[in-house]
């Protein structure tokens, strides 16, 4: 029965009626929990409703469970038969500690009419783990190689399921020795106290935002500038960090971002290398353009009637498609060139003459994609049109070849212009690299001078372990300086062969005759043997020699710009070199 009804009894003329009211057993209507969150969360008490038979709350919470029945209750008890508190149609179960594992609450009840539930009532309690927060570091995707005085804006974002305590960034440099205090001419600026002492790369951090127990997200920006952070040119690892309020929880770090901080000479070398790659890409395009011109000539030489057949039409369409692809690629090269010029303009050490030539090359490149190349593409496409007569197609093809040849010649002129710019930049790079090498030798001499009183008269084995370690660090830096000289010599060898200028051939020959690499290897050995005074004198002498060589190139370049001519340049190329004269120490 689903509805109320009556039952009648008949016995003769006697009638009795019995009202029948169908009633269901008490069933579960719903449940919710008052939640006292763990103290570390510093949250006000809350409420969590049951969903699909489950109540979820953070691990460590204390719950007061209220289970609602479909009718007024008389009594209730748990699975062990212990009575539970009843309030009307609700059963109240206080002080339930939610630990790591899920638990099930089971109870029976009886309504005011004495009806029990058809089966025990079960409520599932699910603890929610306070998971580690997440942290992301973004930005600087195109600025991973930067000058020490260039700023990069990095974005940091943290999130947590309950609340964040803080968010920030930390940075760690590699083992760094040189303090980066170098003036425009490569000379060492006055050094602060302790700057000559080898030390591990600087580590630092900055908190960008403080959170709250209920704040589940934080965002911020960090302006990275190596010089402001007292980081010399080196490889720097940057990570975002965050932390939640969970007891014993540790900082969580983002994926590391690596930024290469470059000195002005290293940055100039990077610019020159990229400019050479752009020039090389232009050269490859020119070769393809020449091959397209050959194809256009072959099509022009076809017999009458052949130009309109299917194969020829397909070849004409292919020419138009290839011209279109070249235009897109040239547009990308133009964007790369303009971005590179913008980057190069940040470096005051790059020769202004080279920058001027670079800008001229970009100006020559700009009109080509939407000028003669676009016209060639259109004419090649028109010549393949079915609506054109053969005579019209031949004229279109001829005009298209002319426009294509015009674009090719413009590209060749541009490539020569950019090659000239790269050559001027390379010459200025040698000046900067020689001066930087001199600065490093000066720094090594300063560092050794700071140790001389400590180690005078002692062998390496007799030194205190910390002093010995510092001497070994200085020796390692001397070895790196020697390798730099080797690279300069190798690059100078290629450069003199390409340019044929006497100044670079003479300089290369004199550097080889001076045997600087071998002399610096001896300095390295002397440092490892604690022969300090001699090493100091040698480092200072070789620093002076390196600056002298840099001045030769610089004077030559100035004389060439000033109209001194090759004779003046040749005279500037071969002044006498200082000859080392050292006493044994």
Protein backbone atom coordinates (compact mmCIF):
# COMPACT_ATOMS: atom_id res chain seq x y z
CA UNK A 1 0.00 0.00 0.00
CA UNK A 2 1.16 3.49 -0.86
CA UNK A 3 -1.81 5.57 0.32
CA UNK A 4 -4.01 5.62 3.44
CA UNK A 5 -7.17 3.49 3.25
CA UNK A 6 -9.71 1.74 5.51
CA UNK A 7 -10.55 -1.91 6.12
CA UNK A 8 -14.22 -2.90 6.81
CA UNK A 9 -15.35 -6.02 8.74
CA UNK A 10 -18.89 -7.41 8.36
CA UNK A 11 -20.68 -9.91 10.69
CA UNK A 12 -24.39 -9.99 10.05
CA UNK A 13 -25.60 -6.46 10.44
CA UNK A 14 -22.50 -5.44 12.43
CA UNK A 15 -19.85 -3.34 10.58
CA UNK A 16 -16.47 -2.28 11.90
CA UNK A 17 -13.98 -0.04 10.09
CA UNK A 18 -10.16 0.10 10.63
CA UNK A 19 -8.15 2.99 9.20
CA UNK A 20 -4.87 1.82 7.67
CA UNK A 21 -2.04 4.38 7.24
CA UNK A 22 1.03 3.00 5.36
CA UNK A 23 4.29 4.29 6.81
CA UNK A 24 7.88 3.78 5.59
CA UNK A 25 10.79 2.91 7.82
CA UNK A 26 13.07 5.84 8.81
CA UNK A 27 15.62 6.45 6.02
CA UNK A 28 18.63 8.68 5.52
CA UNK A 29 17.79 12.14 4.19
CA UNK A 30 21.29 13.65 4.34
CA UNK A 31 24.25 14.50 6.51
CA UNK A 32 26.67 17.34 7.13
CA UNK A 33 29.60 17.96 9.41
CA UNK A 34 30.69 20.95 11.39
CA UNK A 35 34.45 21.12 10.87
CA UNK A 36 37.10 22.40 13.27
CA UNK A 37 40.10 22.66 10.94
CA UNK A 38 43.65 21.82 12.12
CA UNK A 39 45.11 24.64 14.20
CA UNK A 40 47.97 25.34 11.75
CA UNK A 41 45.46 26.31 9.06
CA UNK A 42 44.25 29.22 11.23
CA UNK A 43 40.79 28.93 9.67
CA UNK A 44 37.41 29.62 11.25
CA UNK A 45 35.20 26.56 11.73
CA UNK A 46 33.21 25.56 8.69
CA UNK A 47 30.67 23.07 7.41
CA UNK A 48 30.99 20.29 4.86
CA UNK A 49 27.94 18.62 3.28
CA UNK A 50 27.70 14.98 2.29
CA UNK A 51 28.01 14.27 -1.42
CA UNK A 52 27.33 10.78 -2.82
CA UNK A 53 27.50 9.32 0.67
CA UNK A 54 30.87 10.90 1.46
CA UNK A 55 31.89 13.84 3.66
CA UNK A 56 35.39 15.21 2.94
CA UNK A 57 37.47 17.43 5.21
CA UNK A 58 41.19 18.19 5.69
CA UNK A 59 43.25 15.58 7.44
CA UNK A 60 43.53 16.38 11.15
CA UNK A 61 40.12 18.08 11.34
CA UNK A 62 37.64 17.38 14.16
CA UNK A 63 34.07 16.77 12.97
CA UNK A 64 30.65 17.07 14.58
CA UNK A 65 28.43 14.88 12.44
CA UNK A 66 24.72 15.58 12.00
CA UNK A 67 22.78 12.78 10.26
CA UNK A 68 19.18 13.55 9.25
CA UNK A 69 16.42 10.90 9.09
CA UNK A 70 13.19 11.03 7.14
CA UNK A 71 11.05 11.17 10.31
CA UNK A 72 11.12 11.95 13.99
CA UNK A 73 13.41 9.57 15.87
CA UNK A 74 12.96 7.84 19.18
CA UNK A 75 16.51 6.52 19.59
CA UNK A 76 19.78 5.77 17.79
CA UNK A 77 22.89 3.72 18.50
CA UNK A 78 26.27 3.06 16.88
CA UNK A 79 27.53 -0.25 15.50
CA UNK A 80 28.67 -1.29 18.98
CA UNK A 81 25.26 -0.62 20.50
CA UNK A 82 26.24 2.58 22.29
CA UNK A 83 23.41 5.13 22.35
CA UNK A 84 23.76 8.29 20.30
CA UNK A 85 22.32 11.75 20.87
CA UNK A 86 19.01 12.35 19.11
CA UNK A 87 17.52 15.78 18.39
CA UNK A 88 14.17 15.45 16.62
CA UNK A 89 14.92 13.77 13.33
CA UNK A 90 18.70 14.27 13.65
CA UNK A 91 21.45 12.18 15.18
CA UNK A 92 24.43 14.16 16.52
CA UNK A 93 27.89 12.51 16.79
CA UNK A 94 30.57 14.91 18.13
CA UNK A 95 34.40 14.86 18.32
CA UNK A 96 35.27 12.65 15.36
CA UNK A 97 39.00 13.05 14.61
CA UNK A 98 39.72 12.65 10.91
CA UNK A 99 43.12 10.98 10.61
CA UNK A 100 45.11 9.78 7.59
CA UNK A 101 42.87 6.84 6.66
CA UNK A 102 39.21 7.07 5.59
CA UNK A 103 36.68 5.83 8.13
CA UNK A 104 33.06 4.73 8.08
CA UNK A 105 30.40 5.72 10.60
CA UNK A 106 27.62 3.12 11.00
CA UNK A 107 24.45 3.60 13.06
CA UNK A 108 20.92 2.21 13.61
CA UNK A 109 17.87 4.19 14.59
CA UNK A 110 14.21 3.78 15.52
CA UNK A 111 11.47 6.30 14.83
CA UNK A 112 8.75 7.46 17.22
CA UNK A 113 6.42 4.69 15.98
CA UNK A 114 8.99 2.03 16.83
CA UNK A 115 10.04 1.37 13.23
CA UNK A 116 13.76 0.65 12.67
CA UNK A 117 15.75 1.30 9.52
CA UNK A 118 15.69 -1.48 6.96
CA UNK A 119 19.50 -1.58 7.07
CA UNK A 120 22.22 0.21 9.07
CA UNK A 121 22.97 3.82 7.99
CA UNK A 122 26.56 4.29 6.75
CA UNK A 123 28.42 7.59 6.31
CA UNK A 124 31.88 7.63 4.67
CA UNK A 125 34.41 10.18 6.03
CA UNK A 126 37.23 11.00 3.62
CA UNK A 127 40.35 12.87 4.82
CA UNK A 128 41.83 15.37 2.33
CA UNK A 129 45.63 15.49 2.32
CA UNK A 130 47.17 18.95 2.54
CA UNK A 131 49.28 18.62 -0.61
CA UNK A 132 52.40 20.55 -1.47
CA UNK A 133 51.84 23.88 -3.20
CA UNK A 134 52.85 24.46 -6.82
CA UNK A 135 55.09 27.23 -8.14
CA UNK A 136 55.80 28.42 -11.69
CA UNK A 137 58.48 30.76 -13.01
CA UNK A 138 58.00 32.30 -16.45
CA UNK A 139 59.49 35.02 -18.59
CA UNK A 140 62.75 35.86 -20.29
CA UNK A 141 62.28 33.12 -22.91
CA UNK A 142 64.17 35.26 -25.46
CA UNK A 143 66.62 36.74 -22.99
CA UNK A 144 68.49 33.77 -21.58
CA UNK A 145 71.77 35.41 -22.64
CA UNK A 146 71.91 38.90 -21.18
CA UNK A 147 74.30 41.71 -20.38
CA UNK A 148 75.04 42.20 -16.70
CA UNK A 149 73.25 45.57 -16.69
CA UNK A 150 70.19 44.34 -18.64
CA UNK A 151 66.93 43.73 -16.77
CA UNK A 152 64.55 40.81 -17.33
CA UNK A 153 61.06 40.75 -15.85
CA UNK A 154 60.14 37.29 -14.57
CA UNK A 155 56.63 36.22 -13.58
CA UNK A 156 56.12 34.01 -10.53
CA UNK A 157 52.85 32.27 -9.64
CA UNK A 158 52.09 29.95 -6.71
CA UNK A 159 48.96 27.96 -5.79
CA UNK A 160 47.89 25.73 -2.89
CA UNK A 161 44.76 23.83 -1.91
CA UNK A 162 44.38 25.55 1.50
CA UNK A 163 46.73 28.48 2.06
CA UNK A 164 50.14 29.94 1.14
CA UNK A 165 52.64 31.37 3.60
CA UNK A 166 54.95 33.15 1.10
CA UNK A 167 56.26 33.25 -2.45
CA UNK A 168 59.58 34.45 -3.84
CA UNK A 169 62.64 33.74 -5.98
CA UNK A 170 66.19 32.65 -5.26
CA UNK A 171 69.29 32.85 -7.44
CA UNK A 172 72.56 30.96 -7.36
CA UNK A 173 75.65 31.88 -9.37
CA UNK A 174 78.43 29.52 -10.29
CA UNK A 175 81.82 29.83 -8.63
CA UNK A 176 82.76 33.39 -9.46
CA UNK A 177 86.08 35.19 -9.11
CA UNK A 178 86.07 38.33 -11.22
CA UNK A 179 83.98 41.13 -9.79
CA UNK A 180 82.98 42.41 -13.22
CA UNK A 181 84.15 45.98 -12.46
CA UNK A 182 85.49 46.78 -15.88
CA UNK A 183 85.41 50.16 -17.57
CA UNK A 184 84.59 50.81 -21.22
CA UNK A 185 88.23 50.30 -22.27
CA UNK A 186 88.56 46.96 -20.49
CA UNK A 187 90.62 48.34 -17.61
CA UNK A 188 89.88 47.17 -14.10
CA UNK A 189 88.01 49.66 -11.98
CA UNK A 190 89.00 50.14 -8.31
CA UNK A 191 88.12 46.98 -6.41
CA UNK A 192 86.16 46.86 -3.17
CA UNK A 193 87.65 45.20 -0.13
CA UNK A 194 87.76 41.44 -0.54
CA UNK A 195 86.89 41.54 -4.25
CA UNK A 196 90.10 39.74 -5.19
CA UNK A 197 89.40 36.77 -2.94
CA UNK A 198 88.02 33.71 -4.76
CA UNK A 199 84.54 32.96 -3.42
CA UNK A 200 81.59 30.76 -4.34
CA UNK A 201 79.01 32.26 -6.64
CA UNK A 202 76.64 34.55 -4.83
CA UNK A 203 73.36 33.14 -3.63
CA UNK A 204 70.39 35.30 -2.74
CA UNK A 205 66.65 35.33 -2.45
CA UNK A 206 63.75 37.76 -2.33
CA UNK A 207 60.27 37.22 -0.93
CA UNK A 208 57.84 38.72 -3.42
CA UNK A 209 54.58 38.23 -1.53
CA UNK A 210 53.35 37.13 1.90
CA UNK A 211 50.25 34.95 1.97
CA UNK A 212 47.39 34.19 4.36
CA UNK A 213 46.04 30.88 5.73
CA UNK A 214 43.04 31.14 3.40
CA UNK A 215 44.89 32.56 0.36
CA UNK A 216 45.23 29.82 -2.23
CA UNK A 217 47.02 31.81 -4.94
CA UNK A 218 49.85 34.35 -5.17
CA UNK A 219 51.31 36.20 -8.16
CA UNK A 220 54.28 38.52 -8.50
CA UNK A 221 57.07 39.79 -10.75
CA UNK A 222 60.82 39.84 -10.22
CA UNK A 223 63.20 42.16 -12.06
CA UNK A 224 66.45 40.29 -12.61
CA UNK A 225 69.55 42.41 -13.20
CA UNK A 226 72.90 40.77 -12.53
CA UNK A 227 74.76 43.95 -11.62
CA UNK A 228 72.12 44.99 -9.07
CA UNK A 229 72.40 41.51 -7.52
CA UNK A 230 76.23 41.78 -7.45
CA UNK A 231 76.58 38.85 -9.86
CA UNK A 232 79.55 38.94 -12.20
CA UNK A 233 79.24 37.46 -15.73
CA UNK A 234 78.48 33.77 -15.23
CA UNK A 235 75.79 31.13 -15.40
CA UNK A 236 72.98 31.89 -12.94
CA UNK A 237 70.25 29.47 -11.87
CA UNK A 238 66.96 31.10 -10.79
CA UNK A 239 64.07 29.29 -9.11
CA UNK A 240 60.75 30.41 -7.71
CA UNK A 241 59.85 29.14 -4.23
CA UNK A 242 56.75 28.95 -2.07
CA UNK A 243 55.63 27.33 1.19
CA UNK A 244 52.29 26.49 2.79
CA UNK A 245 51.33 26.34 6.47
CA UNK A 246 51.62 22.57 6.94
CA UNK A 247 53.82 21.74 9.96
CA UNK A 248 57.17 20.37 8.87
CA UNK A 249 56.49 21.43 5.29
CA UNK A 250 59.49 22.57 3.29
CA UNK A 251 59.84 25.08 0.51
CA UNK A 252 58.68 23.96 -2.89
CA UNK A 253 60.74 25.12 -5.88
CA UNK A 254 59.88 25.73 -9.51
CA UNK A 255 61.77 24.25 -12.42
CA UNK A 256 65.10 26.09 -12.64
CA UNK A 257 65.60 28.86 -15.18
CA UNK A 258 69.17 29.30 -16.40
CA UNK A 259 70.35 32.77 -17.41
CA UNK A 260 73.79 33.33 -18.87
CA UNK A 261 75.06 36.71 -17.76
CA UNK A 262 77.56 37.98 -20.31
CA UNK A 263 80.30 40.53 -20.14
CA UNK A 264 80.25 43.16 -22.88
CA UNK A 265 82.91 41.33 -24.86
CA UNK A 266 81.07 37.99 -24.57
CA UNK A 267 77.83 39.69 -25.55
CA UNK A 268 79.50 41.31 -28.57
CA UNK A 269 80.81 37.89 -29.62
CA UNK A 270 77.27 36.45 -29.35
CA UNK A 271 75.88 39.30 -31.47
CA UNK A 272 78.54 38.75 -34.12
CA UNK A 273 77.89 34.98 -34.21
CA UNK A 274 74.16 35.52 -34.68
CA UNK A 275 74.80 38.10 -37.41
CA UNK A 276 76.98 35.55 -39.20
CA UNK A 277 74.15 33.00 -38.95
CA UNK A 278 71.74 35.50 -40.51
CA UNK A 279 74.26 36.16 -43.30
CA UNK A 280 74.66 32.41 -43.84
CA UNK A 281 70.88 31.98 -44.09
CA UNK A 282 70.79 34.78 -46.66
CA UNK A 283 73.48 33.02 -48.64
CA UNK A 284 71.42 29.83 -48.68
CA UNK A 285 68.38 31.76 -49.92
CA UNK A 286 70.44 33.39 -52.67
CA UNK A 287 71.51 29.93 -53.90
CA UNK A 288 67.86 28.87 -54.08
CA UNK A 289 66.97 32.13 -55.87
CA UNK A 290 69.69 31.47 -58.46
CA UNK A 291 68.29 27.97 -59.04
CA UNK A 292 64.81 29.48 -59.53
CA UNK A 293 66.24 31.91 -62.11
CA UNK A 294 67.70 28.96 -64.00
CA UNK A 295 64.29 27.25 -63.97
CA UNK A 296 62.62 30.42 -65.28
CA UNK A 297 65.15 30.58 -68.14
CA UNK A 298 64.47 26.93 -69.03
CA UNK A 299 60.73 27.64 -69.19
CA UNK A 300 61.31 30.72 -71.35
CA UNK A 301 63.33 28.62 -73.80
CA UNK A 302 60.49 26.15 -74.42
CA UNK A 303 59.00 25.82 -77.89
CA UNK A 304 55.81 27.65 -78.81
CA UNK A 305 52.76 25.86 -77.43
CA UNK A 306 54.70 24.00 -74.75
CA UNK A 307 54.41 26.72 -72.09
CA UNK A 308 50.65 26.11 -71.73
CA UNK A 309 50.78 22.35 -71.26
CA UNK A 310 49.99 20.86 -67.84
CA UNK A 311 53.59 20.12 -66.84
CA UNK A 312 54.80 23.65 -67.65
CA UNK A 313 51.86 25.18 -65.81
CA UNK A 314 52.71 23.07 -62.76
CA UNK A 315 56.33 24.25 -62.91
CA UNK A 316 55.20 27.89 -63.10
CA UNK A 317 52.96 27.42 -60.05
CA UNK A 318 55.92 25.85 -58.23
CA UNK A 319 58.02 28.96 -59.01
CA UNK A 320 55.31 31.21 -57.55
CA UNK A 321 55.00 28.99 -54.45
CA UNK A 322 58.75 29.00 -53.91
CA UNK A 323 58.91 32.78 -54.27
CA UNK A 324 56.16 33.06 -51.66
CA UNK A 325 58.08 30.76 -49.30
CA UNK A 326 61.21 32.86 -49.79
CA UNK A 327 59.25 35.99 -48.92
CA UNK A 328 58.07 34.45 -45.64
CA UNK A 329 61.59 33.29 -44.77
CA UNK A 330 63.02 36.70 -45.64
CA UNK A 331 60.42 38.34 -43.38
CA UNK A 332 61.61 36.11 -40.52
CA UNK A 333 65.24 37.03 -41.26
CA UNK A 334 64.30 40.71 -41.22
CA UNK A 335 62.62 40.31 -37.81
CA UNK A 336 65.68 38.47 -36.49
CA UNK A 337 67.95 41.20 -37.81
CA UNK A 338 65.92 44.00 -36.22
CA UNK A 339 65.77 42.14 -32.87
CA UNK A 340 69.52 41.55 -33.05
CA UNK A 341 70.20 45.22 -33.79
CA UNK A 342 68.08 46.18 -30.77
CA UNK A 343 70.05 43.75 -28.61
CA UNK A 344 73.38 44.99 -30.01
CA UNK A 345 72.46 48.61 -29.27
CA UNK A 346 72.51 47.76 -25.53
CA UNK A 347 76.24 47.08 -25.70
CA UNK A 348 78.40 50.21 -25.77
CA UNK A 349 81.46 48.09 -26.52
CA UNK A 350 80.27 47.20 -30.04
CA UNK A 351 81.97 49.39 -32.60
CA UNK A 352 79.61 52.21 -33.75
CA UNK A 353 80.97 51.83 -37.28
CA UNK A 354 79.84 48.19 -37.31
CA UNK A 355 76.42 49.18 -35.93
CA UNK A 356 76.06 51.78 -38.68
CA UNK A 357 76.83 49.18 -41.34
CA UNK A 358 74.39 46.78 -39.68
CA UNK A 359 71.59 49.36 -39.77
CA UNK A 360 72.34 50.06 -43.42
CA UNK A 361 72.03 46.33 -44.19
CA UNK A 362 68.63 46.16 -42.46
CA UNK A 363 67.44 49.20 -44.45
CA UNK A 364 68.51 47.44 -47.68
CA UNK A 365 66.65 44.27 -46.66
CA UNK A 366 63.32 45.87 -45.72
CA UNK A 367 61.85 46.67 -49.16
CA UNK A 368 62.74 43.34 -50.82
CA UNK A 369 59.95 40.98 -49.58
CA UNK A 370 57.06 43.32 -50.47
CA UNK A 371 58.80 44.86 -53.47
CA UNK A 372 60.52 42.93 -56.23
CA UNK A 373 59.93 39.50 -54.63
CA UNK A 374 56.18 40.09 -54.30
CA UNK A 375 56.03 41.30 -57.90
CA UNK A 376 57.94 38.20 -59.11
CA UNK A 377 55.54 35.94 -57.21
CA UNK A 378 52.51 37.64 -58.80
CA UNK A 379 53.95 37.50 -62.32
CA UNK A 380 54.92 33.82 -62.01
CA UNK A 381 51.36 33.11 -60.80
CA UNK A 382 49.84 35.13 -63.66
CA UNK A 383 51.95 33.29 -66.22
CA UNK A 384 50.43 30.01 -64.98
CA UNK A 385 46.86 31.29 -65.31
CA UNK A 386 44.66 29.37 -67.73
CA UNK A 387 43.00 32.60 -68.80
CA UNK A 388 46.27 33.97 -70.23
CA UNK A 389 47.32 33.36 -73.80
CA UNK A 390 50.75 31.86 -74.42
CA UNK A 391 52.08 35.23 -75.53
CA UNK A 392 50.77 36.87 -72.35
CA UNK A 393 52.18 34.04 -70.21
CA UNK A 394 55.59 34.44 -71.83
CA UNK A 395 55.56 38.19 -71.11
CA UNK A 396 54.54 37.55 -67.50
CA UNK A 397 57.30 34.97 -67.16
CA UNK A 398 59.88 37.33 -68.64
CA UNK A 399 58.82 40.21 -66.37
CA UNK A 400 58.73 37.83 -63.41
CA UNK A 401 62.27 36.66 -64.10
CA UNK A 402 63.44 40.30 -64.22
CA UNK A 403 61.80 41.09 -60.89
CA UNK A 404 63.23 37.89 -59.44
CA UNK A 405 66.72 38.79 -60.65
CA UNK A 406 66.33 42.27 -59.19
CA UNK A 407 65.41 40.73 -55.80
CA UNK A 408 68.34 38.31 -55.99
CA UNK A 409 70.82 41.10 -56.67
CA UNK A 410 69.37 43.14 -53.81
CA UNK A 411 69.85 40.14 -51.51
CA UNK A 412 73.46 39.76 -52.62
CA UNK A 413 74.12 43.44 -51.95
CA UNK A 414 72.49 43.09 -48.53
CA UNK A 415 74.51 39.99 -47.71
CA UNK A 416 77.74 41.80 -48.58
CA UNK A 417 76.66 44.72 -46.41
CA UNK A 418 75.87 42.48 -43.42
CA UNK A 419 79.14 40.59 -43.91
CA UNK A 420 80.99 43.90 -43.76
CA UNK A 421 79.13 44.76 -40.55
CA UNK A 422 80.03 41.39 -39.03
CA UNK A 423 83.66 41.92 -40.01
CA UNK A 424 83.74 45.33 -38.32
CA UNK A 425 82.13 43.85 -35.22
CA UNK A 426 84.62 41.00 -35.16
CA UNK A 427 87.52 43.44 -35.24
CA UNK A 428 86.08 45.36 -32.27
CA UNK A 429 85.48 42.04 -30.52
CA UNK A 430 89.20 41.26 -30.61
CA UNK A 431 89.92 44.55 -28.86
CA UNK A 432 87.36 43.81 -26.14
CA UNK A 433 88.48 40.19 -25.69
CA UNK A 434 92.14 41.16 -25.35
CA UNK A 435 91.28 43.85 -22.80
CA UNK A 436 89.09 41.44 -20.87
CA UNK A 437 91.92 38.88 -20.82
CA UNK A 438 94.21 41.61 -19.50
CA UNK A 439 91.69 42.46 -16.79
CA UNK A 440 91.56 38.81 -15.73
CA UNK A 441 95.35 38.62 -15.46
CA UNK A 442 95.28 41.77 -13.30
CA UNK A 443 92.65 40.15 -11.07
CA UNK A 444 94.79 37.05 -10.68
CA UNK A 445 97.78 39.21 -9.73
CA UNK A 446 95.62 41.04 -7.14
CA UNK A 447 94.42 37.75 -5.67
CA UNK A 448 97.97 36.39 -5.41
CA UNK A 449 99.14 39.61 -3.79
CA UNK A 450 96.49 39.12 -1.14
CA UNK A 451 98.00 35.71 -0.27
CA UNK A 452 101.72 36.48 -0.45
CA UNK A 453 102.18 37.36 3.23
CA UNK A 454 100.41 34.18 4.29
CA UNK A 455 102.39 31.77 2.12
CA UNK A 456 105.83 33.42 1.85
CA UNK A 457 108.56 30.80 2.23
CA UNK A 458 106.13 27.86 2.33
CA UNK A 459 105.52 25.02 -0.09
CA UNK A 460 102.04 24.10 -1.24
CA UNK A 461 102.02 21.07 1.08
CA UNK A 462 102.78 23.27 4.08
CA UNK A 463 99.87 25.62 3.52
CA UNK A 464 96.72 25.65 5.61
CA UNK A 465 94.00 23.64 3.79
CA UNK A 466 91.80 26.69 3.22
CA UNK A 467 94.75 28.72 1.83
CA UNK A 468 95.76 25.81 -0.38
CA UNK A 469 92.21 25.58 -1.69
CA UNK A 470 92.22 29.29 -2.56
CA UNK A 471 95.54 28.91 -4.39
CA UNK A 472 94.12 25.97 -6.34
CA UNK A 473 91.10 28.11 -7.25
CA UNK A 474 93.39 30.89 -8.52
CA UNK A 475 95.32 28.29 -10.55
CA UNK A 476 92.06 27.05 -12.09
CA UNK A 477 91.16 30.59 -13.08
CA UNK A 478 94.61 31.08 -14.60
CA UNK A 479 94.09 27.93 -16.63
CA UNK A 480 90.74 29.29 -17.90
CA UNK A 481 92.46 32.56 -18.85
CA UNK A 482 95.06 30.59 -20.83
CA UNK A 483 92.28 28.80 -22.73
CA UNK A 484 90.71 32.17 -23.57
CA UNK A 485 94.00 33.28 -25.16
CA UNK A 486 94.01 30.07 -27.20
CA UNK A 487 90.54 30.83 -28.55
CA UNK A 488 91.53 34.40 -29.41
CA UNK A 489 94.53 33.13 -31.37
CA UNK A 490 92.42 30.58 -33.23
CA UNK A 491 89.75 33.15 -34.15
CA UNK A 492 92.43 35.65 -35.17
CA UNK A 493 93.94 33.03 -37.48
CA UNK A 494 90.63 32.62 -39.36
CA UNK A 495 89.97 36.35 -39.39
CA UNK A 496 93.34 37.33 -40.88
CA UNK A 497 92.85 34.74 -43.64
CA UNK A 498 89.41 36.12 -44.52
CA UNK A 499 90.26 39.82 -44.49
CA UNK A 500 93.85 39.77 -45.73
CA UNK A 501 94.56 42.91 -43.67
CA UNK A 502 98.19 43.19 -42.63
CA UNK A 503 97.48 44.39 -39.10
CA UNK A 504 95.83 41.10 -38.16
CA UNK A 505 98.47 38.94 -39.82
CA UNK A 506 101.25 40.88 -38.08
CA UNK A 507 99.46 40.71 -34.75
CA UNK A 508 98.87 36.97 -35.08
CA UNK A 509 102.53 36.36 -35.94
CA UNK A 510 103.73 38.50 -33.03
CA UNK A 511 101.36 36.80 -30.57
CA UNK A 512 102.63 33.41 -31.70
CA UNK A 513 106.24 34.57 -31.47
CA UNK A 514 105.63 35.83 -27.96
CA UNK A 515 104.34 32.32 -27.00
CA UNK A 516 101.85 33.75 -24.49
CA UNK A 517 99.95 30.50 -24.07
CA UNK A 518 103.10 28.67 -23.06
CA UNK A 519 104.10 31.50 -20.71
CA UNK A 520 100.65 31.44 -19.05
CA UNK A 521 100.95 27.67 -18.62
CA UNK A 522 104.15 28.33 -16.67
CA UNK A 523 102.29 30.87 -14.49
CA UNK A 524 99.68 28.18 -13.80
CA UNK A 525 102.43 25.79 -12.68
CA UNK A 526 104.10 28.44 -10.52
CA UNK A 527 100.80 29.15 -8.73
CA UNK A 528 100.36 25.45 -7.98
CA UNK A 529 103.91 25.41 -6.56
CA UNK A 530 103.26 28.52 -4.42
CA UNK A 531 105.86 30.57 -6.35
CA UNK A 532 103.79 33.66 -5.73
CA UNK A 533 106.00 36.70 -6.28
CA UNK A 534 107.10 35.58 -9.72
CA UNK A 535 103.52 34.71 -10.67
CA UNK A 536 102.36 38.19 -9.66
CA UNK A 537 105.05 39.88 -11.80
CA UNK A 538 104.29 37.64 -14.78
CA UNK A 539 100.52 38.17 -14.59
CA UNK A 540 100.96 41.95 -14.48
CA UNK A 541 103.43 41.90 -17.36
CA UNK A 542 101.16 39.76 -19.55
CA UNK A 543 98.18 41.97 -18.71
CA UNK A 544 100.18 44.95 -19.97
CA UNK A 545 101.13 43.03 -23.12
CA UNK A 546 97.50 42.10 -23.85
CA UNK A 547 96.42 45.73 -23.50
CA UNK A 548 99.21 46.75 -25.85
CA UNK A 549 97.93 44.33 -28.50
CA UNK A 550 94.36 45.60 -28.04
CA UNK A 551 95.60 49.16 -28.55
CA UNK A 552 97.28 48.17 -31.84
CA UNK A 553 93.96 47.07 -33.32
CA UNK A 554 92.10 50.02 -31.85
CA UNK A 555 94.62 52.53 -33.24
CA UNK A 556 94.49 50.83 -36.64
CA UNK A 557 90.70 51.05 -36.75
CA UNK A 558 90.77 54.72 -35.75
CA UNK A 559 93.38 55.53 -38.38
CA UNK A 560 91.34 53.73 -41.04
CA UNK A 561 88.19 55.66 -40.13
CA UNK A 562 90.21 58.89 -40.01
CA UNK A 563 91.61 58.39 -43.50
CA UNK A 564 95.17 57.55 -42.44
CA UNK A 565 95.36 54.94 -45.20
CA UNK A 566 97.02 51.57 -45.33
CA UNK A 567 100.50 52.99 -44.88
CA UNK A 568 99.60 54.57 -41.56
CA UNK A 569 97.83 51.38 -40.59
CA UNK A 570 100.86 49.30 -41.47
CA UNK A 571 103.12 51.50 -39.38
CA UNK A 572 100.73 51.14 -36.46
CA UNK A 573 100.75 47.39 -36.83
CA UNK A 574 104.34 46.64 -35.85
CA UNK A 575 105.49 48.60 -32.81
CA UNK A 576 107.92 46.88 -30.46
CA UNK A 577 106.48 44.51 -27.85
CA UNK A 578 107.51 44.58 -24.21
CA UNK A 579 109.94 41.82 -23.45
CA UNK A 580 109.47 40.06 -20.10
CA UNK A 581 112.35 40.48 -17.73
CA UNK A 582 111.71 38.76 -14.42
CA UNK A 583 113.90 37.83 -11.51
CA UNK A 584 113.55 34.34 -10.14
CA UNK A 585 111.47 34.25 -6.98
